[in-house]
Amino acid sequence: MITCCNDGTRPVIFKIERTVALMDAYLEQNGYVNDINRERLHHEIYMSDARRVAPERWKTVIRHPIKKA
């Protein structure tokens, strides 16, 4: 499983898309591929309370299952 956190400085959707692209590039460079399927899913863990924190300050942990290429 690879885990990556966003940095709270860009619009949320852009951050997640950009973070996933960076994760994919890292996987490719290091001989791994995503292993997302029916049993192994993408997860997002929200570290910030959306009721108290402005969207541009939200922290999210993105987790993807991986396997060797």
N, C-alpha and C. Protein backbone atom coordinates (compact mmCIF):
# COMPACT_ATOMS: atom_id res chain seq x y z
N MET A 1 0.86 -1.17 0.00
CA MET A 1 0.00 0.00 0.00
C MET A 1 0.90 1.23 0.00
N ILE A 2 0.62 2.18 -0.86
CA ILE A 2 1.35 3.45 -0.87
C ILE A 2 0.43 4.52 -0.31
N THR A 3 0.96 5.38 0.54
CA THR A 3 0.19 6.43 1.17
C THR A 3 0.85 7.76 0.90
N CYS A 4 0.06 8.77 0.59
CA CYS A 4 0.59 10.10 0.29
C CYS A 4 -0.36 11.15 0.86
N CYS A 5 0.18 12.19 1.43
CA CYS A 5 -0.66 13.27 1.96
C CYS A 5 -0.54 14.49 1.07
N ASN A 6 -1.67 15.22 0.91
CA ASN A 6 -1.58 16.50 0.21
C ASN A 6 -1.07 17.56 1.17
N ASP A 7 -0.73 18.73 0.67
CA ASP A 7 -0.07 19.74 1.51
C ASP A 7 -0.96 20.90 1.92
N GLY A 8 -2.24 20.91 1.58
CA GLY A 8 -3.16 21.94 2.05
C GLY A 8 -3.01 23.31 1.39
N THR A 9 -2.37 23.39 0.21
CA THR A 9 -2.15 24.70 -0.39
C THR A 9 -2.86 24.93 -1.72
N ARG A 10 -3.53 23.92 -2.28
CA ARG A 10 -4.20 24.08 -3.59
C ARG A 10 -5.65 23.65 -3.47
N PRO A 11 -6.50 24.01 -4.45
CA PRO A 11 -7.88 23.54 -4.41
C PRO A 11 -7.94 22.02 -4.28
N VAL A 12 -8.89 21.53 -3.51
CA VAL A 12 -8.92 20.12 -3.11
C VAL A 12 -8.92 19.15 -4.28
N ILE A 13 -9.82 19.31 -5.27
CA ILE A 13 -9.88 18.36 -6.38
C ILE A 13 -8.57 18.35 -7.15
N PHE A 14 -8.01 19.51 -7.42
CA PHE A 14 -6.73 19.58 -8.13
C PHE A 14 -5.65 18.86 -7.34
N LYS A 15 -5.64 19.05 -6.02
CA LYS A 15 -4.62 18.41 -5.19
C LYS A 15 -4.71 16.90 -5.29
N ILE A 16 -5.92 16.37 -5.21
CA ILE A 16 -6.08 14.92 -5.25
C ILE A 16 -5.65 14.38 -6.61
N GLU A 17 -6.08 15.02 -7.70
CA GLU A 17 -5.68 14.56 -9.03
C GLU A 17 -4.17 14.66 -9.20
N ARG A 18 -3.58 15.75 -8.76
CA ARG A 18 -2.14 15.94 -8.89
C ARG A 18 -1.39 14.93 -8.02
N THR A 19 -1.88 14.71 -6.81
CA THR A 19 -1.24 13.75 -5.91
C THR A 19 -1.28 12.35 -6.50
N VAL A 20 -2.42 11.94 -7.05
CA VAL A 20 -2.53 10.61 -7.66
C VAL A 20 -1.58 10.50 -8.85
N ALA A 21 -1.46 11.55 -9.66
CA ALA A 21 -0.52 11.54 -10.79
C ALA A 21 0.92 11.38 -10.28
N LEU A 22 1.27 12.07 -9.20
CA LEU A 22 2.61 11.93 -8.62
C LEU A 22 2.83 10.52 -8.07
N MET A 23 1.82 9.96 -7.44
CA MET A 23 1.91 8.59 -6.93
C MET A 23 2.12 7.61 -8.08
N ASP A 24 1.36 7.78 -9.16
CA ASP A 24 1.49 6.89 -10.33
C ASP A 24 2.89 6.99 -10.93
N ALA A 25 3.42 8.19 -11.03
CA ALA A 25 4.77 8.37 -11.57
C ALA A 25 5.81 7.68 -10.67
N TYR A 26 5.65 7.82 -9.37
CA TYR A 26 6.56 7.18 -8.42
C TYR A 26 6.50 5.66 -8.58
N LEU A 27 5.29 5.13 -8.69
CA LEU A 27 5.14 3.68 -8.87
C LEU A 27 5.88 3.20 -10.10
N GLU A 28 5.65 3.89 -11.22
CA GLU A 28 6.27 3.49 -12.49
C GLU A 28 7.79 3.54 -12.39
N GLN A 29 8.32 4.58 -11.77
CA GLN A 29 9.77 4.73 -11.66
C GLN A 29 10.41 3.66 -10.77
N ASN A 30 9.60 3.06 -9.90
CA ASN A 30 10.14 2.11 -8.93
C ASN A 30 9.66 0.68 -9.14
N GLY A 31 9.10 0.39 -10.32
CA GLY A 31 8.74 -0.97 -10.66
C GLY A 31 7.45 -1.49 -10.05
N TYR A 32 6.51 -0.61 -9.76
CA TYR A 32 5.22 -1.01 -9.20
C TYR A 32 4.09 -0.55 -10.11
N VAL A 33 2.92 -1.12 -9.89
CA VAL A 33 1.69 -0.69 -10.57
C VAL A 33 0.58 -0.67 -9.54
N ASN A 34 -0.46 0.12 -9.82
CA ASN A 34 -1.64 0.13 -8.97
C ASN A 34 -2.29 -1.24 -9.00
N ASP A 35 -2.81 -1.67 -7.87
CA ASP A 35 -3.51 -2.95 -7.78
C ASP A 35 -4.95 -2.71 -7.30
N ILE A 36 -5.59 -1.71 -7.89
CA ILE A 36 -6.97 -1.38 -7.53
C ILE A 36 -7.90 -2.31 -8.30
N ASN A 37 -8.74 -3.03 -7.56
CA ASN A 37 -9.71 -3.93 -8.17
C ASN A 37 -10.92 -4.05 -7.24
N ARG A 38 -11.78 -5.00 -7.46
CA ARG A 38 -13.00 -5.13 -6.65
C ARG A 38 -12.70 -5.39 -5.17
N GLU A 39 -11.62 -6.10 -4.90
CA GLU A 39 -11.27 -6.43 -3.52
C GLU A 39 -10.33 -5.41 -2.87
N ARG A 40 -9.58 -4.72 -3.70
CA ARG A 40 -8.58 -3.76 -3.19
C ARG A 40 -8.88 -2.40 -3.78
N LEU A 41 -9.40 -1.51 -2.95
CA LEU A 41 -9.91 -0.23 -3.43
C LEU A 41 -9.03 0.95 -3.00
N HIS A 42 -9.21 2.05 -3.70
CA HIS A 42 -8.64 3.35 -3.35
C HIS A 42 -9.30 3.83 -2.06
N HIS A 43 -8.53 4.43 -1.16
CA HIS A 43 -9.08 4.98 0.08
C HIS A 43 -8.64 6.43 0.24
N GLU A 44 -9.52 7.23 0.77
CA GLU A 44 -9.17 8.60 1.17
C GLU A 44 -9.51 8.73 2.65
N ILE A 45 -8.55 9.19 3.42
CA ILE A 45 -8.73 9.41 4.85
C ILE A 45 -8.67 10.91 5.08
N TYR A 46 -9.75 11.47 5.56
CA TYR A 46 -9.84 12.91 5.75
C TYR A 46 -9.34 13.27 7.15
N MET A 47 -8.24 13.98 7.21
CA MET A 47 -7.61 14.33 8.47
C MET A 47 -8.20 15.59 9.10
N SER A 48 -8.83 16.43 8.29
CA SER A 48 -9.39 17.70 8.76
C SER A 48 -10.90 17.58 8.94
N ASP A 49 -11.42 18.36 9.86
CA ASP A 49 -12.87 18.44 10.08
C ASP A 49 -13.43 19.47 9.09
N ALA A 50 -14.17 19.00 8.10
CA ALA A 50 -14.69 19.88 7.05
C ALA A 50 -15.64 20.95 7.60
N ARG A 51 -16.17 20.74 8.80
CA ARG A 51 -17.06 21.73 9.41
C ARG A 51 -16.28 22.89 10.02
N ARG A 52 -14.99 22.69 10.27
CA ARG A 52 -14.20 23.70 10.98
C ARG A 52 -13.05 24.28 10.16
N VAL A 53 -12.68 23.60 9.09
CA VAL A 53 -11.49 23.99 8.32
C VAL A 53 -11.91 24.38 6.91
N ALA A 54 -11.34 25.47 6.40
CA ALA A 54 -11.61 25.91 5.03
C ALA A 54 -11.13 24.84 4.04
N PRO A 55 -11.85 24.64 2.93
CA PRO A 55 -11.47 23.59 1.97
C PRO A 55 -10.01 23.65 1.51
N GLU A 56 -9.45 24.82 1.34
CA GLU A 56 -8.06 24.91 0.88
C GLU A 56 -7.06 24.44 1.94
N ARG A 57 -7.52 24.21 3.17
CA ARG A 57 -6.64 23.76 4.25
C ARG A 57 -6.88 22.30 4.64
N TRP A 58 -7.80 21.62 3.96
CA TRP A 58 -8.08 20.22 4.27
C TRP A 58 -6.85 19.37 4.02
N LYS A 59 -6.66 18.38 4.86
CA LYS A 59 -5.58 17.40 4.70
C LYS A 59 -6.23 16.04 4.41
N THR A 60 -5.74 15.36 3.38
CA THR A 60 -6.29 14.07 2.98
C THR A 60 -5.16 13.08 2.74
N VAL A 61 -5.30 11.89 3.29
CA VAL A 61 -4.36 10.81 3.03
C VAL A 61 -4.99 9.96 1.93
N ILE A 62 -4.25 9.74 0.84
CA ILE A 62 -4.72 8.94 -0.28
C ILE A 62 -3.94 7.63 -0.27
N ARG A 63 -4.68 6.51 -0.27
CA ARG A 63 -4.03 5.20 -0.21
C ARG A 63 -4.45 4.36 -1.40
N HIS A 64 -3.46 3.79 -2.08
CA HIS A 64 -3.69 2.89 -3.21
C HIS A 64 -2.98 1.57 -2.94
N PRO A 65 -3.66 0.45 -3.17
CA PRO A 65 -2.94 -0.83 -3.12
C PRO A 65 -2.01 -0.92 -4.34
N ILE A 66 -0.85 -1.50 -4.14
CA ILE A 66 0.13 -1.62 -5.23
C ILE A 66 0.67 -3.04 -5.29
N LYS A 67 1.34 -3.35 -6.39
CA LYS A 67 2.05 -4.63 -6.53
C LYS A 67 3.24 -4.40 -7.46
N LYS A 68 4.18 -5.32 -7.41
CA LYS A 68 5.34 -5.26 -8.31
C LYS A 68 4.86 -5.42 -9.74
N ALA A 69 5.47 -4.65 -10.65
CA ALA A 69 5.10 -4.72 -12.07
C ALA A 69 5.52 -6.04 -12.67
